[in-house]
Amino acid sequence: MVAAVKAHELRNKNKAELLKVLEEQKQKLSEIRVQKVAGGRVQEVGEARKNVARVLTVINQTQREQLRLFYQKKKFTPLDLRVKKTRAMRRALTPFEKSKKTVRQQKKDAHFPLRKYAVKA
């Protein structure tokens, strides 16, 4: 029986250690495949494949996290690191763009301010 690799344990390791664990898991997978041909248990193949996938997932997540930190203060970020949201939200005006007024509208606001009425109670 192949022991499951825990993702939270993998997150504490650096990239070199993760690559070492990945190689070990791939080696175990190939050994299990050989055993399967010789008449071993089939369930272990699935568990071994999931272990490899877990290690790769942690590697990819940490890599993307580091890239996000790198591009945080830059003017532009790569498309795959940007916030997804929805297409409409991405194309919506920014608050600064919304607050902009044309010269004509500015003149109207200046010459015809909102009237204030005193109401008797």
Protein backbone atom coordinates (compact mmCIF):
# COMPACT_ATOMS: atom_id res chain seq x y z
CA MET A 1 0.00 0.00 0.00
CA VAL A 2 1.33 3.42 -1.01
CA ALA A 3 1.13 6.08 1.71
CA ALA A 4 -0.64 9.27 0.63
CA VAL A 5 1.51 12.38 0.45
CA LYS A 6 0.02 15.22 2.50
CA ALA A 7 -0.18 18.56 0.69
CA HIS A 8 0.23 20.62 3.88
CA GLU A 9 3.51 18.83 4.58
CA LEU A 10 4.72 19.56 1.05
CA ARG A 11 4.02 23.29 1.37
CA ASN A 12 6.74 23.64 4.05
CA LYS A 13 9.43 22.30 1.69
CA ASN A 14 11.54 24.30 -0.76
CA LYS A 15 11.66 23.68 -4.50
CA ALA A 16 14.68 21.35 -4.42
CA GLU A 17 13.04 19.13 -1.80
CA LEU A 18 9.78 19.12 -3.75
CA LEU A 19 11.56 18.04 -6.94
CA LYS A 20 13.28 15.27 -4.97
CA VAL A 21 9.89 14.08 -3.61
CA LEU A 22 8.47 14.23 -7.14
CA GLU A 23 11.24 12.01 -8.50
CA GLU A 24 10.69 9.52 -5.63
CA GLN A 25 6.95 9.39 -6.32
CA LYS A 26 7.51 8.90 -10.05
CA GLN A 27 9.95 6.09 -9.27
CA LYS A 28 7.38 4.41 -6.97
CA LEU A 29 4.76 4.77 -9.70
CA SER A 30 6.96 3.06 -12.27
CA GLU A 31 7.72 0.23 -9.80
CA ILE A 32 4.00 -0.24 -9.12
CA ARG A 33 3.29 -0.37 -12.85
CA VAL A 34 5.86 -3.14 -13.22
CA GLN A 35 4.24 -5.01 -10.30
CA LYS A 36 0.82 -4.53 -11.90
CA VAL A 37 2.02 -6.30 -15.06
CA ALA A 38 3.35 -9.10 -12.86
CA GLY A 39 -0.08 -9.38 -11.18
CA GLY A 40 0.00 -6.79 -8.39
CA ARG A 41 -2.83 -4.70 -6.98
CA VAL A 42 -4.38 -2.12 -9.32
CA GLN A 43 -5.55 0.35 -6.60
CA GLU A 44 -1.98 1.36 -5.77
CA VAL A 45 -1.48 2.80 -9.26
CA GLY A 46 -4.26 5.34 -8.71
CA GLU A 47 -2.89 6.39 -5.32
CA ALA A 48 0.63 6.75 -6.72
CA ARG A 49 -0.64 8.89 -9.62
CA LYS A 50 -2.52 11.11 -7.17
CA ASN A 51 0.66 11.53 -5.11
CA VAL A 52 2.53 12.72 -8.20
CA ALA A 53 -0.35 15.09 -9.00
CA ARG A 54 -0.32 16.49 -5.44
CA VAL A 55 3.40 17.25 -5.59
CA LEU A 56 3.05 18.90 -9.02
CA THR A 57 0.08 20.94 -7.78
CA VAL A 58 2.03 22.26 -4.79
CA ILE A 59 5.01 23.12 -7.03
CA ASN A 60 2.77 25.02 -9.46
CA GLN A 61 0.87 26.84 -6.71
CA THR A 62 4.04 28.02 -4.96
CA GLN A 63 5.52 29.09 -8.30
CA ARG A 64 2.43 31.16 -9.17
CA GLU A 65 2.40 32.65 -5.66
CA GLN A 66 6.03 33.79 -6.09
CA LEU A 67 5.23 35.25 -9.51
CA ARG A 68 2.27 37.17 -8.06
CA LEU A 69 4.56 38.65 -5.41
CA PHE A 70 7.12 39.57 -8.08
CA TYR A 71 4.56 41.38 -10.27
CA GLN A 72 2.68 42.98 -7.37
CA LYS A 73 4.33 46.43 -7.62
CA LYS A 74 4.81 46.37 -11.41
CA LYS A 75 2.67 48.38 -13.81
CA PHE A 76 1.48 45.35 -15.79
CA THR A 77 0.93 41.73 -14.76
CA PRO A 78 0.78 38.73 -17.11
CA LEU A 79 -2.71 37.77 -18.26
CA ASP A 80 -2.69 34.41 -16.47
CA LEU A 81 -1.88 36.09 -13.13
CA ARG A 82 -4.59 38.75 -13.35
CA VAL A 83 -7.85 38.52 -11.40
CA LYS A 84 -10.45 36.63 -13.44
CA LYS A 85 -13.75 38.29 -12.36
CA THR A 86 -16.18 38.49 -15.29
CA ARG A 87 -15.68 39.93 -18.76
CA ALA A 88 -18.10 42.78 -18.04
CA MET A 89 -16.38 43.63 -14.75
CA ARG A 90 -12.96 43.68 -16.42
CA ARG A 91 -14.21 46.10 -19.07
CA ALA A 92 -16.13 48.37 -16.69
CA LEU A 93 -14.95 51.93 -16.08
CA THR A 94 -12.65 52.56 -13.14
CA PRO A 95 -13.91 54.87 -10.35
CA PHE A 96 -11.65 57.64 -11.69
CA GLU A 97 -13.05 57.25 -15.21
CA LYS A 98 -16.63 57.25 -13.84
CA SER A 99 -16.08 60.51 -11.97
CA LYS A 100 -14.75 62.40 -15.03
CA LYS A 101 -17.07 65.06 -16.48
CA THR A 102 -17.08 66.83 -19.84
CA VAL A 103 -16.42 70.57 -20.01
CA ARG A 104 -20.07 71.13 -20.95
CA GLN A 105 -21.30 69.17 -17.89
CA GLN A 106 -18.91 71.10 -15.63
CA LYS A 107 -20.32 74.41 -16.93
CA LYS A 108 -23.91 73.21 -16.39
CA ASP A 109 -23.11 72.17 -12.81
CA ALA A 110 -21.42 75.53 -12.11
CA HIS A 111 -24.15 77.74 -13.61
CA PHE A 112 -27.20 75.76 -12.51
CA PRO A 113 -26.51 74.33 -9.05
CA LEU A 114 -29.05 72.08 -7.35
CA ARG A 115 -31.76 74.29 -5.79
CA LYS A 116 -32.29 74.21 -2.05
CA TYR A 117 -35.78 74.64 -0.64
CA ALA A 118 -36.76 75.44 2.93
CA VAL A 119 -39.62 73.18 3.95
CA LYS A 120 -42.05 74.20 6.75
CA ALA A 121 -42.59 71.49 9.26
